[in-house]
Amino acid sequence: MDNGVVSAAAERITLAQLDDLLRQGASVLILDVRKEPAYQDSATRATGAIRVPPDRATETVSALGLPRDAWLVSYCT
């Protein structure tokens, strides 16, 4: 833990596992961490996703005050 930020090893999950979490009522926040050009060039957006610059992900998530008990699911291309 550094400056109030808890760091955990990243874990990959499938879309089916994400769907299971959502159906179980888990608190899940989807983070769009694509680099700016990829984000701007794509018309595809995950519904409800929070835009987080990949080079400042930890700082941005901390500054947003996201729930500490939520699953943070990030995606990029």
N, C-alpha and C. Protein backbone atom coordinates (compact mmCIF):
# COMPACT_ATOMS: atom_id res chain seq x y z
N MET A 1 0.86 -1.17 0.00
CA MET A 1 0.00 0.00 0.00
C MET A 1 0.89 1.23 0.00
N ASP A 2 0.65 2.14 -0.95
CA ASP A 2 1.46 3.34 -1.09
C ASP A 2 0.52 4.52 -1.31
N ASN A 3 0.58 5.51 -0.46
CA ASN A 3 -0.30 6.67 -0.56
C ASN A 3 -1.78 6.29 -0.58
N GLY A 4 -2.12 5.26 0.17
CA GLY A 4 -3.51 4.85 0.24
C GLY A 4 -3.97 3.99 -0.93
N VAL A 5 -3.05 3.64 -1.83
CA VAL A 5 -3.40 2.84 -2.99
C VAL A 5 -2.95 1.41 -2.75
N VAL A 6 -3.88 0.48 -2.86
CA VAL A 6 -3.56 -0.93 -2.69
C VAL A 6 -3.24 -1.50 -4.06
N SER A 7 -2.12 -2.16 -4.16
CA SER A 7 -1.72 -2.75 -5.42
C SER A 7 -1.91 -4.26 -5.35
N ALA A 8 -2.50 -4.81 -6.38
CA ALA A 8 -2.70 -6.26 -6.45
C ALA A 8 -2.27 -6.73 -7.83
N ALA A 9 -1.90 -7.98 -7.90
CA ALA A 9 -1.50 -8.54 -9.19
C ALA A 9 -2.71 -8.56 -10.12
N ALA A 10 -2.48 -8.22 -11.37
CA ALA A 10 -3.55 -8.23 -12.36
C ALA A 10 -3.96 -9.67 -12.64
N GLU A 11 -5.23 -9.86 -12.81
CA GLU A 11 -5.78 -11.18 -13.11
C GLU A 11 -6.64 -11.07 -14.35
N ARG A 12 -6.42 -11.93 -15.32
CA ARG A 12 -7.23 -11.91 -16.53
C ARG A 12 -8.53 -12.66 -16.28
N ILE A 13 -9.63 -12.08 -16.79
CA ILE A 13 -10.90 -12.78 -16.74
C ILE A 13 -11.51 -12.77 -18.14
N THR A 14 -12.37 -13.70 -18.40
CA THR A 14 -13.04 -13.77 -19.69
C THR A 14 -14.33 -12.94 -19.65
N LEU A 15 -14.89 -12.72 -20.83
CA LEU A 15 -16.19 -12.03 -20.87
C LEU A 15 -17.25 -12.84 -20.16
N ALA A 16 -17.17 -14.16 -20.23
CA ALA A 16 -18.13 -15.02 -19.53
C ALA A 16 -17.99 -14.83 -18.02
N GLN A 17 -16.77 -14.73 -17.52
CA GLN A 17 -16.56 -14.51 -16.09
C GLN A 17 -17.07 -13.13 -15.67
N LEU A 18 -16.86 -12.13 -16.52
CA LEU A 18 -17.39 -10.79 -16.24
C LEU A 18 -18.91 -10.85 -16.18
N ASP A 19 -19.51 -11.54 -17.13
CA ASP A 19 -20.96 -11.69 -17.16
C ASP A 19 -21.46 -12.37 -15.88
N ASP A 20 -20.75 -13.39 -15.43
CA ASP A 20 -21.12 -14.08 -14.18
C ASP A 20 -21.08 -13.12 -12.99
N LEU A 21 -20.02 -12.32 -12.91
CA LEU A 21 -19.92 -11.35 -11.82
C LEU A 21 -21.11 -10.39 -11.83
N LEU A 22 -21.43 -9.90 -13.01
CA LEU A 22 -22.55 -8.96 -13.12
C LEU A 22 -23.88 -9.61 -12.75
N ARG A 23 -24.10 -10.86 -13.20
CA ARG A 23 -25.34 -11.56 -12.86
C ARG A 23 -25.44 -11.87 -11.38
N GLN A 24 -24.29 -12.04 -10.70
CA GLN A 24 -24.28 -12.31 -9.27
C GLN A 24 -24.48 -11.03 -8.45
N GLY A 25 -24.52 -9.90 -9.12
CA GLY A 25 -24.72 -8.63 -8.43
C GLY A 25 -23.46 -8.04 -7.84
N ALA A 26 -22.30 -8.53 -8.28
CA ALA A 26 -21.03 -7.99 -7.77
C ALA A 26 -20.88 -6.54 -8.22
N SER A 27 -20.21 -5.78 -7.40
CA SER A 27 -19.91 -4.40 -7.76
C SER A 27 -18.74 -4.42 -8.75
N VAL A 28 -19.03 -4.07 -10.00
CA VAL A 28 -18.03 -4.13 -11.06
C VAL A 28 -17.97 -2.78 -11.77
N LEU A 29 -16.78 -2.25 -11.92
CA LEU A 29 -16.56 -1.03 -12.68
C LEU A 29 -15.66 -1.38 -13.85
N ILE A 30 -16.07 -0.98 -15.04
CA ILE A 30 -15.28 -1.26 -16.24
C ILE A 30 -14.47 -0.02 -16.58
N LEU A 31 -13.17 -0.22 -16.72
CA LEU A 31 -12.25 0.88 -17.03
C LEU A 31 -11.74 0.72 -18.45
N ASP A 32 -11.90 1.74 -19.26
CA ASP A 32 -11.38 1.74 -20.62
C ASP A 32 -9.98 2.35 -20.55
N VAL A 33 -8.96 1.52 -20.68
CA VAL A 33 -7.58 1.99 -20.53
C VAL A 33 -6.82 1.97 -21.86
N ARG A 34 -7.56 2.13 -22.95
CA ARG A 34 -6.90 2.21 -24.25
C ARG A 34 -6.12 3.51 -24.35
N LYS A 35 -5.03 3.46 -25.11
CA LYS A 35 -4.27 4.68 -25.37
C LYS A 35 -5.14 5.62 -26.18
N GLU A 36 -4.89 6.91 -26.05
CA GLU A 36 -5.75 7.93 -26.66
C GLU A 36 -6.03 7.71 -28.15
N PRO A 37 -5.02 7.44 -28.99
CA PRO A 37 -5.34 7.23 -30.41
C PRO A 37 -6.29 6.06 -30.65
N ALA A 38 -6.10 4.96 -29.94
CA ALA A 38 -6.98 3.80 -30.10
C ALA A 38 -8.39 4.14 -29.64
N TYR A 39 -8.50 4.90 -28.56
CA TYR A 39 -9.81 5.29 -28.05
C TYR A 39 -10.53 6.20 -29.05
N GLN A 40 -9.82 7.20 -29.56
CA GLN A 40 -10.42 8.17 -30.49
C GLN A 40 -10.79 7.54 -31.82
N ASP A 41 -9.99 6.57 -32.28
CA ASP A 41 -10.21 5.95 -33.59
C ASP A 41 -11.30 4.88 -33.57
N SER A 42 -11.80 4.52 -32.41
CA SER A 42 -12.78 3.44 -32.31
C SER A 42 -14.16 3.99 -31.96
N ALA A 43 -15.16 3.45 -32.64
CA ALA A 43 -16.54 3.80 -32.31
C ALA A 43 -17.08 2.86 -31.23
N THR A 44 -16.30 1.85 -30.89
CA THR A 44 -16.72 0.86 -29.90
C THR A 44 -16.45 1.37 -28.49
N ARG A 45 -17.47 1.35 -27.66
CA ARG A 45 -17.35 1.76 -26.26
C ARG A 45 -18.11 0.77 -25.41
N ALA A 46 -17.53 0.36 -24.30
CA ALA A 46 -18.24 -0.49 -23.35
C ALA A 46 -19.22 0.38 -22.58
N THR A 47 -20.45 -0.03 -22.54
CA THR A 47 -21.49 0.73 -21.85
C THR A 47 -21.10 0.96 -20.40
N GLY A 48 -21.10 2.22 -19.99
CA GLY A 48 -20.81 2.57 -18.61
C GLY A 48 -19.34 2.58 -18.23
N ALA A 49 -18.46 2.32 -19.20
CA ALA A 49 -17.02 2.27 -18.90
C ALA A 49 -16.51 3.66 -18.50
N ILE A 50 -15.56 3.66 -17.61
CA ILE A 50 -14.92 4.89 -17.15
C ILE A 50 -13.60 5.03 -17.90
N ARG A 51 -13.39 6.15 -18.54
CA ARG A 51 -12.18 6.39 -19.32
C ARG A 51 -11.02 6.68 -18.36
N VAL A 52 -9.95 5.91 -18.48
CA VAL A 52 -8.78 6.05 -17.62
C VAL A 52 -7.53 5.98 -18.49
N PRO A 53 -6.74 7.06 -18.54
CA PRO A 53 -5.51 7.02 -19.33
C PRO A 53 -4.57 5.94 -18.80
N PRO A 54 -4.05 5.07 -19.68
CA PRO A 54 -3.24 3.94 -19.20
C PRO A 54 -1.96 4.34 -18.48
N ASP A 55 -1.39 5.47 -18.86
CA ASP A 55 -0.14 5.89 -18.21
C ASP A 55 -0.37 6.54 -16.85
N ARG A 56 -1.62 6.76 -16.49
CA ARG A 56 -1.94 7.36 -15.19
C ARG A 56 -3.10 6.62 -14.52
N ALA A 57 -3.20 5.33 -14.78
CA ALA A 57 -4.35 4.55 -14.30
C ALA A 57 -4.46 4.57 -12.78
N THR A 58 -3.39 4.27 -12.08
CA THR A 58 -3.44 4.21 -10.62
C THR A 58 -3.83 5.56 -10.03
N GLU A 59 -3.19 6.62 -10.51
CA GLU A 59 -3.48 7.96 -9.99
C GLU A 59 -4.93 8.37 -10.30
N THR A 60 -5.39 8.06 -11.52
CA THR A 60 -6.74 8.45 -11.92
C THR A 60 -7.79 7.71 -11.10
N VAL A 61 -7.61 6.40 -10.96
CA VAL A 61 -8.57 5.61 -10.18
C VAL A 61 -8.62 6.09 -8.74
N SER A 62 -7.46 6.39 -8.18
CA SER A 62 -7.40 6.89 -6.81
C SER A 62 -8.10 8.24 -6.69
N ALA A 63 -7.84 9.13 -7.65
CA ALA A 63 -8.44 10.48 -7.62
C ALA A 63 -9.96 10.43 -7.80
N LEU A 64 -10.45 9.45 -8.55
CA LEU A 64 -11.89 9.34 -8.76
C LEU A 64 -12.62 8.82 -7.53
N GLY A 65 -11.87 8.25 -6.59
CA GLY A 65 -12.49 7.74 -5.37
C GLY A 65 -13.43 6.58 -5.62
N LEU A 66 -13.04 5.70 -6.54
CA LEU A 66 -13.88 4.54 -6.86
C LEU A 66 -14.01 3.62 -5.65
N PRO A 67 -15.12 2.91 -5.53
CA PRO A 67 -15.32 2.03 -4.38
C PRO A 67 -14.18 1.01 -4.25
N ARG A 68 -13.66 0.88 -3.05
CA ARG A 68 -12.53 -0.02 -2.82
C ARG A 68 -12.93 -1.49 -2.83
N ASP A 69 -14.22 -1.76 -2.71
CA ASP A 69 -14.66 -3.15 -2.69
C ASP A 69 -15.17 -3.63 -4.05
N ALA A 70 -15.06 -2.78 -5.06
CA ALA A 70 -15.55 -3.14 -6.40
C ALA A 70 -14.47 -3.86 -7.19
N TRP A 71 -14.92 -4.71 -8.10
CA TRP A 71 -14.02 -5.29 -9.08
C TRP A 71 -13.72 -4.18 -10.09
N LEU A 72 -12.46 -3.94 -10.37
CA LEU A 72 -12.07 -3.00 -11.41
C LEU A 72 -11.63 -3.82 -12.61
N VAL A 73 -12.42 -3.79 -13.66
CA VAL A 73 -12.13 -4.58 -14.85
C VAL A 73 -11.68 -3.61 -15.93
N SER A 74 -10.43 -3.72 -16.33
CA SER A 74 -9.91 -2.83 -17.36
C SER A 74 -9.81 -3.57 -18.67
N TYR A 75 -9.96 -2.80 -19.75
CA TYR A 75 -9.80 -3.40 -21.07
C TYR A 75 -9.08 -2.43 -21.98
N CYS A 76 -8.40 -3.00 -22.97
CA CYS A 76 -7.73 -2.22 -23.98
C CYS A 76 -7.67 -3.06 -25.26
N THR A 77 -7.19 -2.46 -26.32
CA THR A 77 -7.04 -3.20 -27.57
C THR A 77 -5.63 -3.08 -28.08
